Amino acid sequence: MNFKETSEFQKAFKRLKKKYLSLDQDLAEFKKVLAVFPEGRGKHFALLTEKSGIKIIKARLFCRYLKGDSLRIVYAYNQPAELIEFIELYAKNEQEVENRTLIINYLEKIV
């Protein structure tokens, strides 16, 4: 499985990494889970939309620095290309829901 990141994801990751020091290791663990279950498994994953074989999925990213709360990560899973591209990362206490315009722009750019 190949992984990529959008520039918006990289900016959010860099900003949140200053606050939550274990974020590098937490993302590495999340990638291991996605390598086995790319569409997710269980109640912590939700399919947001699907277009042209690309599934947009929102999931919880557990962070060791957060007690009880978690971060949310939005990613695109392209099954034919075996590619997962991270689109958005946000803390639930800072942002209530995912940025829909970011997802729509991503899909327009890809398709």
Protein backbone atom coordinates (compact mmCIF):
# COMPACT_ATOMS: atom_id res chain seq x y z
CA MET A 1 0.00 0.00 0.00
CA ASN A 2 1.30 3.44 -0.96
CA PHE A 3 0.63 6.56 1.11
CA LYS A 4 0.56 10.21 0.04
CA GLU A 5 -0.40 13.46 1.76
CA THR A 6 -2.03 16.62 0.46
CA SER A 7 -0.48 19.97 1.28
CA GLU A 8 -3.46 20.81 3.53
CA PHE A 9 -2.87 17.62 5.49
CA GLN A 10 0.84 18.40 5.84
CA LYS A 11 0.08 21.89 7.21
CA ALA A 12 -2.43 20.55 9.74
CA PHE A 13 -0.08 17.73 10.73
CA LYS A 14 2.79 20.15 11.33
CA ARG A 15 0.56 22.42 13.43
CA LEU A 16 -0.90 19.59 15.52
CA LYS A 17 2.48 17.89 15.94
CA LYS A 18 3.66 20.85 18.03
CA LYS A 19 0.74 20.25 20.38
CA TYR A 20 0.71 16.45 20.39
CA LEU A 21 4.26 15.11 20.40
CA SER A 22 3.33 11.47 19.76
CA LEU A 23 1.62 12.27 16.45
CA ASP A 24 4.42 10.78 14.29
CA GLN A 25 4.17 7.43 16.04
CA ASP A 26 0.36 7.57 16.09
CA LEU A 27 0.22 8.12 12.33
CA ALA A 28 2.70 5.28 11.77
CA GLU A 29 0.43 2.93 13.77
CA PHE A 30 -2.59 4.13 11.78
CA LYS A 31 -0.78 3.37 8.52
CA LYS A 32 -0.15 -0.19 9.74
CA VAL A 33 -3.89 -0.62 10.35
CA LEU A 34 -4.71 0.80 6.90
CA ALA A 35 -2.24 -1.55 5.24
CA VAL A 36 -4.34 -4.46 6.52
CA PHE A 37 -7.82 -2.83 6.40
CA PRO A 38 -7.70 0.05 3.87
CA GLU A 39 -11.42 0.73 4.13
CA GLY A 40 -11.30 0.54 7.89
CA ARG A 41 -12.98 -1.78 10.26
CA GLY A 42 -15.33 -1.16 13.14
CA LYS A 43 -17.19 1.86 14.38
CA HIS A 44 -14.22 4.23 14.17
CA PHE A 45 -14.36 4.43 10.36
CA ALA A 46 -17.09 6.04 8.23
CA LEU A 47 -17.44 6.13 4.46
CA LEU A 48 -18.23 9.73 3.49
CA THR A 49 -18.52 9.43 -0.28
CA GLU A 50 -17.44 7.37 -3.24
CA LYS A 51 -16.72 8.63 -6.74
CA SER A 52 -15.04 6.88 -9.69
CA GLY A 53 -13.67 4.08 -7.53
CA ILE A 54 -12.19 6.46 -4.95
CA LYS A 55 -13.62 6.16 -1.45
CA ILE A 56 -13.39 9.08 0.97
CA ILE A 57 -13.26 7.76 4.51
CA LYS A 58 -13.20 9.54 7.87
CA ALA A 59 -11.62 7.80 10.83
CA ARG A 60 -10.49 8.36 14.37
CA LEU A 61 -6.76 8.74 14.82
CA PHE A 62 -5.96 7.84 18.39
CA CYS A 63 -3.34 10.05 19.95
CA ARG A 64 -1.52 9.11 23.12
CA TYR A 65 -1.41 12.75 24.24
CA LEU A 66 -5.20 13.09 24.17
CA LYS A 67 -7.05 11.53 27.05
CA GLY A 68 -10.47 10.35 25.92
CA ASP A 69 -10.55 12.58 22.84
CA SER A 70 -9.12 11.76 19.48
CA LEU A 71 -8.15 13.35 16.22
CA ARG A 72 -10.07 12.87 13.00
CA ILE A 73 -8.39 11.98 9.75
CA VAL A 74 -9.97 12.04 6.30
CA TYR A 75 -8.35 10.00 3.56
CA ALA A 76 -9.01 8.81 0.02
CA TYR A 77 -8.66 5.14 -0.81
CA ASN A 78 -8.01 4.35 -4.46
CA GLN A 79 -8.35 0.57 -4.66
CA PRO A 80 -7.15 0.00 -8.27
CA ALA A 81 -3.97 2.03 -7.66
CA GLU A 82 -3.52 0.69 -4.11
CA LEU A 83 -3.07 4.26 -2.92
CA ILE A 84 -4.19 6.02 0.24
CA GLU A 85 -3.93 9.79 0.25
CA PHE A 86 -4.46 11.70 3.48
CA ILE A 87 -6.64 14.76 2.88
CA GLU A 88 -7.42 16.32 6.24
CA LEU A 89 -6.46 16.07 9.90
CA TYR A 90 -8.21 17.93 12.69
CA ALA A 91 -8.81 17.84 16.40
CA LYS A 92 -12.42 17.25 17.37
CA ASN A 93 -12.22 19.97 20.04
CA GLU A 94 -11.14 22.57 17.45
CA GLN A 95 -13.35 21.62 14.50
CA GLU A 96 -16.72 19.89 14.69
CA VAL A 97 -16.90 18.22 11.26
CA GLU A 98 -14.73 17.63 8.20
CA ASN A 99 -14.20 20.36 5.62
CA ARG A 100 -16.55 19.39 2.79
CA THR A 101 -15.13 21.92 0.32
CA LEU A 102 -11.67 20.41 0.81
CA ILE A 103 -13.05 16.96 -0.06
CA ILE A 104 -14.97 18.25 -3.09
CA ASN A 105 -11.88 20.09 -4.38
CA TYR A 106 -9.80 16.94 -3.93
CA LEU A 107 -12.28 14.83 -5.89
CA GLU A 108 -12.49 17.40 -8.70
CA LYS A 109 -8.71 17.49 -8.95
CA ILE A 110 -8.38 13.70 -9.07
CA VAL A 111 -11.32 12.76 -11.32
